[in-house]
Amino acid sequence: PSLPLLKYWRELTGDRVVRMTLSPEVPGNIEIAKYLTAEKIAVSLGHTNAAPDIIREFYALGARQITHFMNAMQPFHHREPGPVGAILEQPGFLLEIIPDGYHLDQLAVKLILNLPHPIAFVSDSTYVRYLAPGTYEYLDQTIIWDGKKQITATGTPEEARARVSEPVLPLMLAARH
């Protein structure tokens, strides 16, 4: 967002904005991050392909959380560590992960759990998963929920959107062995 838009959002919410996820490579986000940290609002980095020096710059500003770690990020490579390498370089980052076996492979979850970083489990679920089977409107699209999987009205599967409690126990048990 632009700085004026962010200030407007804060006004609308009565200054209840406590955290914001930014892609650090997006022009203007460094200024927004400076504003947020000055206002004591947590800065999280997410869905980024930022170069390591940009990740480091945001860390120096006070960013301490990664939203959906590894999702929509350039993969780690031994010659070009990219954002994943720069994030792992800073053990102060809290890594928010979706451990559902879809967003992150079981082995990736196991490796992440062995890192020194603090970890937060989150879901990529929609509220539809908590309702009785049926057809619902969600974010301007029709979602059909049969009690086990979600599909859009056009037939696109939405199986990945699980409750965080559903996949975590099997992944945690597998990660320990």
N, C-alpha and C. Protein backbone atom coordinates (compact mmCIF):
# COMPACT_ATOMS: atom_id res chain seq x y z
N PRO A 1 0.83 -1.20 0.00
CA PRO A 1 0.00 0.00 0.00
C PRO A 1 0.86 1.25 0.00
N SER A 2 0.25 2.34 -0.26
CA SER A 2 0.95 3.62 -0.13
C SER A 2 0.88 4.04 1.34
N LEU A 3 1.77 4.94 1.71
CA LEU A 3 1.77 5.44 3.09
C LEU A 3 0.45 6.14 3.44
N PRO A 4 -0.10 6.98 2.55
CA PRO A 4 -1.40 7.59 2.87
C PRO A 4 -2.51 6.54 3.06
N LEU A 5 -2.50 5.49 2.26
CA LEU A 5 -3.51 4.44 2.40
C LEU A 5 -3.34 3.71 3.73
N LEU A 6 -2.11 3.40 4.10
CA LEU A 6 -1.85 2.74 5.37
C LEU A 6 -2.34 3.60 6.55
N LYS A 7 -2.06 4.90 6.48
CA LYS A 7 -2.52 5.80 7.54
C LYS A 7 -4.05 5.83 7.60
N TYR A 8 -4.67 5.77 6.44
CA TYR A 8 -6.13 5.73 6.38
C TYR A 8 -6.66 4.45 7.03
N TRP A 9 -6.02 3.29 6.74
CA TRP A 9 -6.42 2.02 7.34
C TRP A 9 -6.31 2.08 8.86
N ARG A 10 -5.22 2.69 9.32
CA ARG A 10 -5.04 2.82 10.77
C ARG A 10 -6.15 3.66 11.38
N GLU A 11 -6.51 4.73 10.69
CA GLU A 11 -7.59 5.59 11.16
C GLU A 11 -8.91 4.82 11.20
N LEU A 12 -9.20 4.07 10.14
CA LEU A 12 -10.44 3.28 10.07
C LEU A 12 -10.53 2.26 11.18
N THR A 13 -9.40 1.68 11.57
CA THR A 13 -9.40 0.63 12.59
C THR A 13 -9.17 1.16 13.99
N GLY A 14 -9.07 2.46 14.14
CA GLY A 14 -8.80 3.02 15.45
C GLY A 14 -7.41 2.66 15.93
N ASP A 15 -6.46 2.67 15.02
CA ASP A 15 -5.05 2.34 15.32
C ASP A 15 -4.88 0.94 15.89
N ARG A 16 -5.68 -0.01 15.40
CA ARG A 16 -5.57 -1.39 15.88
C ARG A 16 -4.72 -2.26 14.96
N VAL A 17 -4.09 -1.70 13.95
CA VAL A 17 -3.18 -2.47 13.10
C VAL A 17 -1.95 -2.79 13.94
N VAL A 18 -1.66 -4.08 14.11
CA VAL A 18 -0.52 -4.48 14.94
C VAL A 18 0.59 -5.17 14.14
N ARG A 19 0.28 -5.59 12.93
CA ARG A 19 1.27 -6.27 12.10
C ARG A 19 0.88 -6.12 10.65
N MET A 20 1.90 -6.03 9.78
CA MET A 20 1.65 -5.97 8.36
C MET A 20 2.72 -6.78 7.64
N THR A 21 2.28 -7.55 6.64
CA THR A 21 3.20 -8.31 5.81
C THR A 21 3.51 -7.50 4.56
N LEU A 22 4.78 -7.39 4.26
CA LEU A 22 5.25 -6.67 3.08
C LEU A 22 6.16 -7.56 2.25
N SER A 23 6.14 -7.36 0.95
CA SER A 23 7.15 -7.94 0.08
C SER A 23 8.23 -6.87 -0.05
N PRO A 24 9.41 -7.11 0.50
CA PRO A 24 10.40 -6.04 0.59
C PRO A 24 10.89 -5.49 -0.74
N GLU A 25 10.77 -6.26 -1.81
CA GLU A 25 11.26 -5.79 -3.10
C GLU A 25 10.30 -4.84 -3.80
N VAL A 26 9.08 -4.71 -3.29
CA VAL A 26 8.10 -3.82 -3.91
C VAL A 26 8.49 -2.37 -3.63
N PRO A 27 8.58 -1.56 -4.69
CA PRO A 27 8.95 -0.15 -4.49
C PRO A 27 8.05 0.54 -3.47
N GLY A 28 8.66 1.30 -2.58
CA GLY A 28 7.93 2.04 -1.56
C GLY A 28 7.78 1.30 -0.24
N ASN A 29 8.02 -0.02 -0.23
CA ASN A 29 7.81 -0.76 1.00
C ASN A 29 8.87 -0.49 2.06
N ILE A 30 10.05 -0.02 1.69
CA ILE A 30 11.05 0.32 2.69
C ILE A 30 10.56 1.52 3.51
N GLU A 31 9.95 2.48 2.85
CA GLU A 31 9.40 3.64 3.57
C GLU A 31 8.26 3.22 4.48
N ILE A 32 7.44 2.30 3.99
CA ILE A 32 6.33 1.81 4.80
C ILE A 32 6.87 1.05 6.01
N ALA A 33 7.90 0.24 5.81
CA ALA A 33 8.50 -0.51 6.92
C ALA A 33 9.08 0.45 7.96
N LYS A 34 9.73 1.52 7.52
CA LYS A 34 10.27 2.52 8.46
C LYS A 34 9.15 3.15 9.27
N TYR A 35 8.06 3.49 8.60
CA TYR A 35 6.91 4.08 9.28
C TYR A 35 6.34 3.09 10.30
N LEU A 36 6.13 1.84 9.87
CA LEU A 36 5.54 0.83 10.75
C LEU A 36 6.39 0.61 12.00
N THR A 37 7.70 0.45 11.81
CA THR A 37 8.55 0.20 12.98
C THR A 37 8.59 1.42 13.90
N ALA A 38 8.58 2.62 13.33
CA ALA A 38 8.55 3.83 14.16
C ALA A 38 7.26 3.90 14.98
N GLU A 39 6.18 3.33 14.43
CA GLU A 39 4.88 3.32 15.11
C GLU A 39 4.69 2.06 15.96
N LYS A 40 5.75 1.27 16.10
CA LYS A 40 5.71 0.02 16.90
C LYS A 40 4.73 -1.00 16.35
N ILE A 41 4.60 -1.04 15.02
CA ILE A 41 3.77 -2.03 14.34
C ILE A 41 4.72 -3.07 13.75
N ALA A 42 4.47 -4.34 14.04
CA ALA A 42 5.34 -5.42 13.60
C ALA A 42 5.35 -5.53 12.07
N VAL A 43 6.55 -5.70 11.54
CA VAL A 43 6.72 -5.88 10.10
C VAL A 43 7.07 -7.34 9.84
N SER A 44 6.29 -7.95 8.98
CA SER A 44 6.53 -9.32 8.55
C SER A 44 6.84 -9.29 7.06
N LEU A 45 7.72 -10.16 6.62
CA LEU A 45 8.06 -10.26 5.20
C LEU A 45 7.38 -11.50 4.65
N GLY A 46 6.87 -11.41 3.43
CA GLY A 46 6.20 -12.57 2.88
C GLY A 46 6.09 -12.55 1.38
N HIS A 47 5.93 -13.76 0.83
CA HIS A 47 5.74 -13.94 -0.61
C HIS A 47 6.74 -13.07 -1.38
N THR A 48 8.01 -13.27 -1.06
CA THR A 48 9.04 -12.38 -1.57
C THR A 48 10.09 -13.12 -2.38
N ASN A 49 10.65 -12.42 -3.31
CA ASN A 49 11.82 -12.87 -4.04
C ASN A 49 12.93 -11.84 -3.92
N ALA A 50 12.92 -11.12 -2.82
CA ALA A 50 13.91 -10.07 -2.58
C ALA A 50 15.32 -10.65 -2.50
N ALA A 51 16.26 -9.87 -2.96
CA ALA A 51 17.67 -10.24 -2.85
C ALA A 51 18.08 -10.24 -1.38
N PRO A 52 19.10 -11.01 -1.03
CA PRO A 52 19.54 -11.08 0.36
C PRO A 52 19.84 -9.72 1.00
N ASP A 53 20.44 -8.79 0.25
CA ASP A 53 20.75 -7.49 0.86
C ASP A 53 19.49 -6.73 1.24
N ILE A 54 18.41 -6.91 0.50
CA ILE A 54 17.15 -6.24 0.83
C ILE A 54 16.54 -6.88 2.08
N ILE A 55 16.59 -8.22 2.18
CA ILE A 55 16.10 -8.91 3.38
C ILE A 55 16.88 -8.40 4.60
N ARG A 56 18.20 -8.31 4.46
CA ARG A 56 19.03 -7.82 5.57
C ARG A 56 18.65 -6.40 5.96
N GLU A 57 18.36 -5.56 4.98
CA GLU A 57 17.98 -4.18 5.26
C GLU A 57 16.69 -4.13 6.07
N PHE A 58 15.72 -4.95 5.71
CA PHE A 58 14.46 -4.98 6.45
C PHE A 58 14.67 -5.56 7.85
N TYR A 59 15.54 -6.53 7.97
CA TYR A 59 15.85 -7.09 9.30
C TYR A 59 16.47 -6.00 10.18
N ALA A 60 17.39 -5.23 9.60
CA ALA A 60 18.03 -4.14 10.35
C ALA A 60 17.00 -3.09 10.80
N LEU A 61 15.93 -2.93 10.02
CA LEU A 61 14.86 -2.00 10.39
C LEU A 61 13.97 -2.53 11.50
N GLY A 62 14.03 -3.83 11.73
CA GLY A 62 13.20 -4.42 12.78
C GLY A 62 12.22 -5.48 12.34
N ALA A 63 12.18 -5.82 11.06
CA ALA A 63 11.31 -6.92 10.62
C ALA A 63 11.78 -8.20 11.30
N ARG A 64 10.85 -8.94 11.93
CA ARG A 64 11.24 -10.12 12.68
C ARG A 64 10.33 -11.32 12.41
N GLN A 65 9.51 -11.24 11.39
CA GLN A 65 8.62 -12.36 11.10
C GLN A 65 8.54 -12.59 9.60
N ILE A 66 8.35 -13.85 9.24
CA ILE A 66 8.19 -14.24 7.84
C ILE A 66 6.81 -14.89 7.70
N THR A 67 5.97 -14.29 6.89
CA THR A 67 4.64 -14.82 6.62
C THR A 67 4.74 -15.93 5.58
N HIS A 68 4.16 -17.08 5.90
CA HIS A 68 4.13 -18.23 4.98
C HIS A 68 5.53 -18.55 4.43
N PHE A 69 6.46 -18.79 5.33
CA PHE A 69 7.85 -19.06 4.95
C PHE A 69 7.92 -20.09 3.83
N MET A 70 8.69 -19.78 2.83
CA MET A 70 9.00 -20.55 1.63
C MET A 70 7.90 -20.50 0.56
N ASN A 71 6.71 -20.02 0.89
CA ASN A 71 5.66 -19.94 -0.12
C ASN A 71 5.91 -18.76 -1.04
N ALA A 72 5.80 -19.00 -2.33
CA ALA A 72 5.98 -17.98 -3.36
C ALA A 72 7.34 -17.31 -3.26
N MET A 73 8.33 -18.07 -2.80
CA MET A 73 9.71 -17.57 -2.72
C MET A 73 10.60 -18.36 -3.66
N GLN A 74 11.59 -17.66 -4.19
CA GLN A 74 12.61 -18.33 -4.99
C GLN A 74 13.23 -19.43 -4.13
N PRO A 75 13.35 -20.64 -4.65
CA PRO A 75 13.94 -21.72 -3.84
C PRO A 75 15.40 -21.45 -3.49
N PHE A 76 15.83 -22.00 -2.38
CA PHE A 76 17.23 -21.91 -1.97
C PHE A 76 18.09 -22.66 -2.99
N HIS A 77 19.19 -22.07 -3.39
CA HIS A 77 20.16 -22.70 -4.29
C HIS A 77 21.55 -22.41 -3.75
N HIS A 78 22.44 -23.36 -3.83
CA HIS A 78 23.75 -23.20 -3.22
C HIS A 78 24.56 -22.05 -3.82
N ARG A 79 24.30 -21.65 -5.05
CA ARG A 79 25.01 -20.53 -5.66
C ARG A 79 24.24 -19.21 -5.56
N GLU A 80 22.94 -19.31 -5.40
CA GLU A 80 22.07 -18.13 -5.23
C GLU A 80 21.08 -18.43 -4.11
N PRO A 81 21.49 -18.18 -2.87
CA PRO A 81 20.64 -18.53 -1.73
C PRO A 81 19.30 -17.79 -1.69
N GLY A 82 19.23 -16.63 -2.34
CA GLY A 82 17.97 -15.90 -2.44
C GLY A 82 17.38 -15.53 -1.10
N PRO A 83 16.07 -15.25 -1.09
CA PRO A 83 15.43 -14.81 0.15
C PRO A 83 15.45 -15.88 1.24
N VAL A 84 15.32 -17.15 0.86
CA VAL A 84 15.32 -18.22 1.86
C VAL A 84 16.66 -18.23 2.61
N GLY A 85 17.76 -18.14 1.87
CA GLY A 85 19.07 -18.10 2.51
C GLY A 85 19.25 -16.90 3.41
N ALA A 86 18.80 -15.73 2.95
CA ALA A 86 18.93 -14.51 3.74
C ALA A 86 18.07 -14.58 5.00
N ILE A 87 16.91 -15.19 4.90
CA ILE A 87 16.04 -15.35 6.07
C ILE A 87 16.67 -16.31 7.07
N LEU A 88 17.18 -17.42 6.57
CA LEU A 88 17.79 -18.41 7.47
C LEU A 88 19.06 -17.88 8.12
N GLU A 89 19.70 -16.90 7.50
CA GLU A 89 20.90 -16.27 8.06
C GLU A 89 20.59 -15.54 9.37
N GLN A 90 19.35 -15.13 9.55
CA GLN A 90 18.95 -14.34 10.72
C GLN A 90 18.09 -15.19 11.66
N PRO A 91 18.68 -15.77 12.72
CA PRO A 91 17.88 -16.63 13.61
C PRO A 91 16.82 -15.87 14.39
N GLY A 92 16.81 -14.54 14.30
CA GLY A 92 15.78 -13.76 14.98
C GLY A 92 14.46 -13.72 14.27
N PHE A 93 14.40 -14.21 13.03
CA PHE A 93 13.14 -14.25 12.30
C PHE A 93 12.25 -15.36 12.84
N LEU A 94 10.99 -15.03 13.14
CA LEU A 94 9.99 -16.03 13.43
C LEU A 94 9.47 -16.54 12.09
N LEU A 95 9.50 -17.85 11.89
CA LEU A 95 9.08 -18.45 10.62
C LEU A 95 7.66 -18.96 10.75
N GLU A 96 6.76 -18.33 10.05
CA GLU A 96 5.36 -18.75 10.03
C GLU A 96 5.22 -19.74 8.88
N ILE A 97 4.77 -20.96 9.19
CA ILE A 97 4.66 -21.98 8.15
C ILE A 97 3.26 -22.57 8.11
N ILE A 98 2.91 -23.09 6.94
CA ILE A 98 1.65 -23.81 6.75
C ILE A 98 2.02 -25.29 6.60
N PRO A 99 2.01 -26.03 7.71
CA PRO A 99 2.49 -27.42 7.68
C PRO A 99 1.41 -28.41 7.28
N ASP A 100 0.84 -28.22 6.10
CA ASP A 100 -0.29 -29.05 5.70
C ASP A 100 0.07 -30.13 4.68
N GLY A 101 1.36 -30.28 4.36
CA GLY A 101 1.75 -31.30 3.39
C GLY A 101 1.52 -30.87 1.96
N TYR A 102 0.91 -29.71 1.76
CA TYR A 102 0.69 -29.18 0.42
C TYR A 102 1.55 -27.94 0.22
N HIS A 103 1.43 -26.98 1.12
CA HIS A 103 2.24 -25.76 1.01
C HIS A 103 3.70 -26.06 1.28
N LEU A 104 3.96 -26.98 2.17
CA LEU A 104 5.32 -27.42 2.47
C LEU A 104 5.34 -28.94 2.51
N ASP A 105 6.32 -29.52 1.85
CA ASP A 105 6.51 -30.95 1.90
C ASP A 105 6.89 -31.37 3.32
N GLN A 106 6.58 -32.59 3.68
CA GLN A 106 6.88 -33.12 5.01
C GLN A 106 8.36 -32.97 5.35
N LEU A 107 9.24 -33.22 4.39
CA LEU A 107 10.67 -33.08 4.65
C LEU A 107 11.03 -31.62 4.92
N ALA A 108 10.42 -30.69 4.20
CA ALA A 108 10.68 -29.27 4.45
C ALA A 108 10.25 -28.89 5.86
N VAL A 109 9.10 -29.39 6.30
CA VAL A 109 8.64 -29.12 7.66
C VAL A 109 9.64 -29.67 8.66
N LYS A 110 10.10 -30.88 8.43
CA LYS A 110 11.08 -31.51 9.33
C LYS A 110 12.35 -30.67 9.42
N LEU A 111 12.84 -30.23 8.29
CA LEU A 111 14.05 -29.40 8.28
C LEU A 111 13.82 -28.07 9.01
N ILE A 112 12.69 -27.44 8.76
CA ILE A 112 12.37 -26.17 9.42
C ILE A 112 12.30 -26.34 10.92
N LEU A 113 11.70 -27.43 11.38
CA LEU A 113 11.57 -27.67 12.81
C LEU A 113 12.92 -27.89 13.48
N ASN A 114 13.94 -28.19 12.70
CA ASN A 114 15.29 -28.38 13.25
C ASN A 114 16.12 -27.09 13.21
N LEU A 115 15.55 -26.02 12.75
CA LEU A 115 16.25 -24.73 12.71
C LEU A 115 16.20 -24.07 14.09
N PRO A 116 17.10 -23.12 14.35
CA PRO A 116 17.07 -22.42 15.63
C PRO A 116 15.98 -21.35 15.72
N HIS A 117 15.30 -21.09 14.63
CA HIS A 117 14.29 -20.03 14.57
C HIS A 117 13.03 -20.42 15.34
N PRO A 118 12.35 -19.42 15.92
CA PRO A 118 11.01 -19.69 16.44
C PRO A 118 10.07 -19.98 15.28
N ILE A 119 9.08 -20.83 15.50
CA ILE A 119 8.17 -21.28 14.45
C ILE A 119 6.73 -20.98 14.87
N ALA A 120 5.91 -20.56 13.92
CA ALA A 120 4.47 -20.40 14.14
C ALA A 120 3.74 -21.21 13.09
N PHE A 121 2.80 -22.04 13.51
CA PHE A 121 1.97 -22.79 12.59
C PHE A 121 0.73 -21.96 12.26
N VAL A 122 0.41 -21.87 10.98
CA VAL A 122 -0.80 -21.18 10.56
C VAL A 122 -1.51 -22.02 9.52
N SER A 123 -2.75 -21.71 9.29
CA SER A 123 -3.55 -22.40 8.29
C SER A 123 -3.73 -21.49 7.09
N ASP A 124 -3.99 -22.09 5.96
CA ASP A 124 -4.38 -21.33 4.79
C ASP A 124 -5.86 -21.62 4.53
N SER A 125 -6.55 -21.93 5.62
CA SER A 125 -7.94 -22.34 5.53
C SER A 125 -8.88 -21.15 5.36
N THR A 126 -10.02 -21.44 4.81
CA THR A 126 -11.09 -20.45 4.74
C THR A 126 -12.12 -20.83 5.81
N TYR A 127 -12.97 -19.89 6.14
CA TYR A 127 -13.99 -20.17 7.14
C TYR A 127 -14.95 -21.27 6.70
N VAL A 128 -15.02 -21.54 5.40
CA VAL A 128 -15.93 -22.55 4.86
C VAL A 128 -15.65 -23.92 5.47
N ARG A 129 -14.38 -24.21 5.78
CA ARG A 129 -14.02 -25.51 6.36
C ARG A 129 -14.68 -25.76 7.70
N TYR A 130 -15.17 -24.73 8.34
CA TYR A 130 -15.77 -24.86 9.66
C TYR A 130 -17.30 -24.90 9.61
N LEU A 131 -17.85 -24.93 8.40
CA LEU A 131 -19.29 -24.93 8.23
C LEU A 131 -19.78 -26.30 7.77
N ALA A 132 -21.08 -26.48 7.81
CA ALA A 132 -21.67 -27.72 7.30
C ALA A 132 -21.45 -27.79 5.79
N PRO A 133 -21.37 -29.00 5.22
CA PRO A 133 -21.24 -29.10 3.77
C PRO A 133 -22.30 -28.28 3.06
N GLY A 134 -21.88 -27.63 1.97
CA GLY A 134 -22.80 -26.80 1.22
C GLY A 134 -22.07 -25.90 0.25
N THR A 135 -22.76 -24.93 -0.29
CA THR A 135 -22.22 -23.98 -1.24
C THR A 135 -22.21 -22.61 -0.58
N TYR A 136 -21.04 -21.94 -0.67
CA TYR A 136 -20.86 -20.67 0.03
C TYR A 136 -20.18 -19.66 -0.89
N GLU A 137 -20.40 -18.39 -0.58
CA GLU A 137 -19.70 -17.31 -1.27
C GLU A 137 -18.52 -16.89 -0.40
N TYR A 138 -17.34 -16.83 -0.99
CA TYR A 138 -16.13 -16.44 -0.26
C TYR A 138 -15.23 -15.64 -1.19
N LEU A 139 -14.92 -14.42 -0.82
CA LEU A 139 -14.05 -13.55 -1.62
C LEU A 139 -14.46 -13.50 -3.09
N ASP A 140 -15.72 -13.25 -3.31
CA ASP A 140 -16.27 -13.10 -4.66
C ASP A 140 -16.19 -14.36 -5.51
N GLN A 141 -16.14 -15.51 -4.86
CA GLN A 141 -16.22 -16.75 -5.63
C GLN A 141 -17.08 -17.76 -4.88
N THR A 142 -17.65 -18.67 -5.63
CA THR A 142 -18.47 -19.71 -5.03
C THR A 142 -17.58 -20.89 -4.65
N ILE A 143 -17.70 -21.32 -3.40
CA ILE A 143 -16.94 -22.46 -2.89
C ILE A 143 -17.93 -23.56 -2.53
N ILE A 144 -17.67 -24.76 -3.03
CA ILE A 144 -18.50 -25.92 -2.71
C ILE A 144 -17.70 -26.79 -1.74
N TRP A 145 -18.27 -27.02 -0.57
CA TRP A 145 -17.61 -27.77 0.50
C TRP A 145 -18.41 -29.03 0.75
N ASP A 146 -17.77 -30.21 0.55
CA ASP A 146 -18.48 -31.47 0.76
C ASP A 146 -18.17 -32.12 2.11
N GLY A 147 -17.46 -31.41 2.95
CA GLY A 147 -17.08 -31.95 4.25
C GLY A 147 -15.67 -32.50 4.28
N LYS A 148 -15.08 -32.70 3.10
CA LYS A 148 -13.71 -33.21 3.01
C LYS A 148 -12.82 -32.34 2.12
N LYS A 149 -13.39 -31.77 1.10
CA LYS A 149 -12.60 -30.92 0.20
C LYS A 149 -13.44 -29.77 -0.30
N GLN A 150 -12.74 -28.74 -0.72
CA GLN A 150 -13.37 -27.56 -1.29
C GLN A 150 -13.06 -27.50 -2.77
N ILE A 151 -14.04 -27.08 -3.55
CA ILE A 151 -13.80 -26.78 -4.96
C ILE A 151 -14.51 -25.47 -5.27
N THR A 152 -14.02 -24.79 -6.28
CA THR A 152 -14.71 -23.59 -6.72
C THR A 152 -15.82 -24.01 -7.66
N ALA A 153 -16.70 -23.09 -8.00
CA ALA A 153 -17.81 -23.39 -8.90
C ALA A 153 -17.31 -23.83 -10.27
N THR A 154 -16.08 -23.43 -10.62
CA THR A 154 -15.51 -23.84 -11.91
C THR A 154 -14.79 -25.18 -11.83
N GLY A 155 -14.77 -25.78 -10.64
CA GLY A 155 -14.16 -27.10 -10.48
C GLY A 155 -12.72 -27.09 -10.02
N THR A 156 -12.18 -25.91 -9.72
CA THR A 156 -10.80 -25.83 -9.24
C THR A 156 -10.73 -26.39 -7.83
N PRO A 157 -9.84 -27.38 -7.61
CA PRO A 157 -9.75 -27.95 -6.26
C PRO A 157 -9.15 -26.96 -5.27
N GLU A 158 -9.63 -27.03 -4.07
CA GLU A 158 -9.13 -26.18 -3.00
C GLU A 158 -8.73 -27.07 -1.82
N GLU A 159 -8.23 -28.29 -2.10
CA GLU A 159 -7.93 -29.25 -1.04
C GLU A 159 -6.88 -28.74 -0.05
N ALA A 160 -6.02 -27.84 -0.50
CA ALA A 160 -4.93 -27.39 0.35
C ALA A 160 -5.42 -26.58 1.53
N ARG A 161 -6.61 -26.10 1.48
CA ARG A 161 -7.11 -25.23 2.53
C ARG A 161 -7.67 -26.06 3.68
N ALA A 162 -6.77 -26.54 4.50
CA ALA A 162 -7.14 -27.38 5.63
C ALA A 162 -7.08 -26.60 6.93
N ARG A 163 -7.80 -27.08 7.91
CA ARG A 163 -7.66 -26.53 9.25
C ARG A 163 -6.24 -26.83 9.71
N VAL A 164 -5.66 -25.92 10.43
CA VAL A 164 -4.27 -26.12 10.85
C VAL A 164 -4.16 -27.36 11.73
N SER A 165 -5.19 -27.71 12.48
CA SER A 165 -5.12 -28.87 13.37
C SER A 165 -5.12 -30.19 12.62
N GLU A 166 -5.70 -30.23 11.42
CA GLU A 166 -5.81 -31.48 10.68
C GLU A 166 -4.46 -32.06 10.27
N PRO A 167 -3.56 -31.27 9.67
CA PRO A 167 -2.32 -31.87 9.20
C PRO A 167 -1.17 -31.82 10.19
N VAL A 168 -1.27 -31.03 11.24
CA VAL A 168 -0.10 -30.78 12.08
C VAL A 168 0.36 -32.01 12.83
N LEU A 169 -0.54 -32.74 13.48
CA LEU A 169 -0.11 -33.88 14.28
C LEU A 169 0.64 -34.91 13.46
N PRO A 170 0.11 -35.37 12.31
CA PRO A 170 0.89 -36.34 11.53
C PRO A 170 2.25 -35.79 11.09
N LEU A 171 2.31 -34.51 10.71
CA LEU A 171 3.58 -33.93 10.29
C LEU A 171 4.55 -33.81 11.46
N MET A 172 4.04 -33.45 12.63
CA MET A 172 4.90 -33.34 13.81
C MET A 172 5.46 -34.71 14.17
N LEU A 173 4.62 -35.71 14.15
CA LEU A 173 5.08 -37.06 14.48
C LEU A 173 6.11 -37.54 13.46
N ALA A 174 5.86 -37.29 12.18
CA ALA A 174 6.79 -37.70 11.15
C ALA A 174 8.10 -36.94 11.26
N ALA A 175 8.04 -35.68 11.64
CA ALA A 175 9.24 -34.86 11.74
C ALA A 175 10.14 -35.29 12.88
N ARG A 176 9.56 -35.93 13.88
CA ARG A 176 10.35 -36.35 15.04
C ARG A 176 11.13 -37.63 14.75
N HIS A 177 10.83 -38.31 13.67
CA HIS A 177 11.49 -39.59 13.37
C HIS A 177 12.32 -39.52 12.12
